[in-house]
Protein backbone atom coordinates (compact mmCIF):
# COMPACT_ATOMS: atom_id res chain seq x y z
CA MET A 1 68.88 108.35 102.94
CA SER A 2 67.88 104.84 102.02
CA HIS A 3 65.93 102.59 104.30
CA THR A 4 65.55 98.84 104.31
CA GLU A 5 63.05 96.49 105.89
CA ILE A 6 64.48 94.02 108.38
CA LEU A 7 62.91 91.06 110.15
CA LEU A 8 64.22 90.98 113.73
CA ILE A 9 65.33 87.57 114.96
CA LYS A 10 66.23 88.78 118.46
CA PRO A 11 64.73 91.62 120.51
CA VAL A 12 66.44 95.01 120.19
CA GLU A 13 65.67 97.58 122.87
CA GLY A 14 64.09 100.66 121.38
CA LEU A 15 63.52 98.96 118.03
CA GLY A 16 61.31 95.90 118.49
CA ALA A 17 61.01 92.27 119.52
CA GLU A 18 61.64 89.12 117.54
CA GLY A 19 59.26 88.67 114.65
CA ASP A 20 58.80 92.41 114.15
CA GLN A 21 59.29 93.90 110.72
CA VAL A 22 61.06 97.22 111.12
CA LYS A 23 62.26 99.86 108.71
CA VAL A 24 65.81 101.00 109.52
CA ARG A 25 68.57 102.90 107.79
CA ALA A 26 70.51 100.78 105.34
CA GLY A 27 73.82 101.38 107.13
CA TYR A 28 72.44 100.30 110.52
CA ALA A 29 71.15 97.10 108.97
CA ARG A 30 74.30 96.43 106.94
CA ASN A 31 76.81 97.26 109.69
CA PHE A 32 75.07 96.08 112.87
CA LEU A 33 71.87 94.06 112.56
CA LEU A 34 72.93 91.69 109.80
CA PRO A 35 76.52 90.90 110.99
CA GLN A 36 75.33 90.34 114.60
CA GLN A 37 72.60 88.03 113.23
CA ILE A 38 69.99 90.09 115.05
CA GLY A 39 67.93 90.55 111.90
CA VAL A 40 67.59 89.40 108.29
CA THR A 41 66.44 91.22 105.20
CA ILE A 42 62.85 90.49 104.26
CA THR A 43 62.42 88.23 101.27
CA ALA A 44 59.63 85.91 100.17
CA SER A 45 61.28 82.94 101.88
CA ASN A 46 61.85 84.87 105.13
CA ARG A 47 58.17 85.68 105.46
CA LYS A 48 57.64 82.05 106.52
CA GLN A 49 60.00 82.69 109.44
CA VAL A 50 57.77 85.51 110.64
CA GLU A 51 55.05 83.15 111.87
CA ALA A 52 57.54 80.90 113.66
CA LEU A 53 59.17 83.89 115.36
CA LYS A 54 55.82 85.33 116.41
CA GLN A 55 54.81 81.97 117.90
CA ARG A 56 58.10 81.72 119.82
CA ARG A 57 57.65 85.30 121.05
CA ALA A 58 54.10 84.61 122.25
CA ASN A 59 55.29 81.50 124.14
CA ARG A 60 58.20 83.37 125.76
CA GLU A 61 56.00 86.31 126.78
CA GLY A 62 53.43 83.93 128.25
CA GLN A 63 56.11 82.19 130.32
CA GLU A 64 57.52 85.52 131.49
CA LEU A 65 54.06 86.71 132.54
CA ASP A 66 53.36 83.49 134.47
CA GLY A 67 56.75 83.72 136.19
CA ALA A 68 56.17 87.36 137.10
CA LYS A 69 52.74 86.56 138.59
CA ALA A 70 54.19 83.74 140.70
CA LEU A 71 57.03 85.95 141.90
CA GLY A 72 54.55 88.73 142.65
CA ALA A 73 52.54 86.40 144.89
CA LEU A 74 55.72 85.55 146.83
CA ILE A 75 56.62 89.21 147.24
CA GLU A 76 53.16 90.15 148.50
CA LYS A 77 53.33 87.38 151.12
CA ALA A 78 56.87 88.29 152.22
CA ASN A 79 57.21 89.61 155.75
CA ILE A 80 60.16 92.00 155.66
CA ALA A 81 61.49 93.79 158.75
CA ILE A 82 64.52 96.06 158.50
CA ALA A 83 66.37 96.85 161.72
CA MET A 84 68.02 100.28 161.73
CA LYS A 85 70.05 102.12 164.35
CA THR A 86 68.04 104.86 166.01
CA GLY A 87 68.76 107.80 168.25
CA GLU A 88 66.70 109.97 170.55
CA GLY A 89 62.98 109.83 169.89
CA GLY A 90 63.28 106.91 167.44
CA ARG A 91 64.99 108.93 164.69
CA LEU A 92 66.90 106.82 162.18
CA PHE A 93 70.60 107.11 161.53
CA GLY A 94 70.55 106.95 157.73
CA SER A 95 67.63 105.73 155.65
CA VAL A 96 66.17 102.60 154.10
CA THR A 97 66.74 102.38 150.35
CA SER A 98 65.78 99.96 147.61
CA ASN A 99 69.20 98.31 148.07
CA ASP A 100 68.26 97.40 151.65
CA LEU A 101 64.95 95.96 150.45
CA HIS A 102 66.72 94.00 147.72
CA ASP A 103 69.13 92.49 150.26
CA LYS A 104 66.26 91.44 152.54
CA LEU A 105 64.33 89.89 149.63
CA VAL A 106 67.38 87.92 148.50
CA ALA A 107 67.93 86.75 152.11
CA ALA A 108 64.29 85.57 152.11
CA GLY A 109 64.97 83.56 148.93
CA ILE A 110 63.17 85.90 146.52
CA ASN A 111 65.39 86.93 143.63
CA VAL A 112 64.39 90.28 142.15
CA GLU A 113 66.54 92.74 140.25
CA LYS A 114 67.36 95.90 142.22
CA LYS A 115 66.14 98.14 139.43
CA ARG A 116 62.63 96.70 139.71
CA ILE A 117 62.16 97.92 143.32
CA HIS A 118 60.87 101.48 143.50
CA LEU A 119 60.61 103.64 146.61
CA ALA A 120 59.02 107.07 146.28
CA ALA A 121 61.74 108.44 148.58
CA PRO A 122 64.24 106.89 151.00
CA VAL A 123 62.48 105.87 154.23
CA LYS A 124 63.66 107.88 157.25
CA ALA A 125 61.08 106.88 159.88
CA LEU A 126 60.12 103.81 161.91
CA GLY A 127 56.90 101.98 161.12
CA LYS A 128 55.13 100.31 158.21
CA HIS A 129 56.02 101.40 154.69
CA GLU A 130 55.38 100.27 151.12
CA ALA A 131 57.41 99.99 147.94
CA THR A 132 56.31 99.02 144.45
CA VAL A 133 57.97 96.21 142.54
CA LYS A 134 57.47 96.25 138.77
CA LEU A 135 58.06 92.68 137.63
CA HIS A 136 56.54 92.83 134.15
CA ALA A 137 54.72 95.32 131.97
CA GLU A 138 51.45 93.87 133.29
CA VAL A 139 52.53 92.86 136.83
CA THR A 140 53.23 95.44 139.55
CA VAL A 141 53.02 94.41 143.20
CA THR A 142 53.22 96.27 146.49
CA LEU A 143 55.87 95.22 148.99
CA SER A 144 54.99 96.03 152.59
CA PHE A 145 57.85 96.22 155.08
CA ASP A 146 58.47 97.32 158.64
CA VAL A 147 61.31 99.54 159.79
CA VAL A 148 62.15 98.69 163.40
CA SER A 149 64.73 99.96 165.87
CA GLU A 150 67.92 97.93 166.21
CA ASN A 151 68.45 99.18 169.77
CA PRO A 152 65.48 98.37 172.00
CA LEU A 153 63.86 101.27 173.77
CA VAL A 154 64.71 101.35 177.47
CA SER A 155 61.92 102.43 179.78
CA SER A 156 62.74 104.97 182.48
CA GLY A 157 62.21 102.38 185.27
CA GLU A 158 64.84 100.03 183.86
CA ALA A 159 67.34 102.83 183.21
CA GLN A 160 67.47 103.72 186.92
CA LYS A 161 68.50 100.22 188.05
């Protein structure tokens, strides 16, 4: 099979980012990368584009990293409390999932994609818990949150009245 060298203009997941020179099958380049204007064949004149693309990529990655660090600082400062229905002995009905955390973060004005929030397992107990939020390849923060009872506990003295 024949291969051809392509200069990527746009990032392609699993292949590379803009400015990368990749070797792909000729059919993939001819039928997908070139018509979609995702890549161009490498020629002497295109080599000048490589430096411009690499500079644009470095700027974009720098901006993404700065944005991720700023968002990470907001997440670490966030005070999240999730109220859940409980039964006898403080046992939860259901569990707290990453969807619940995402909803609380959005309500607090912090926009994070759901897929970036990772819980080791769904939370099924009251108290303080932690989740990791992977914002960037270099930025991972810990989100601390409290799971509290939606129905307040009634002491035995008040229940008799």
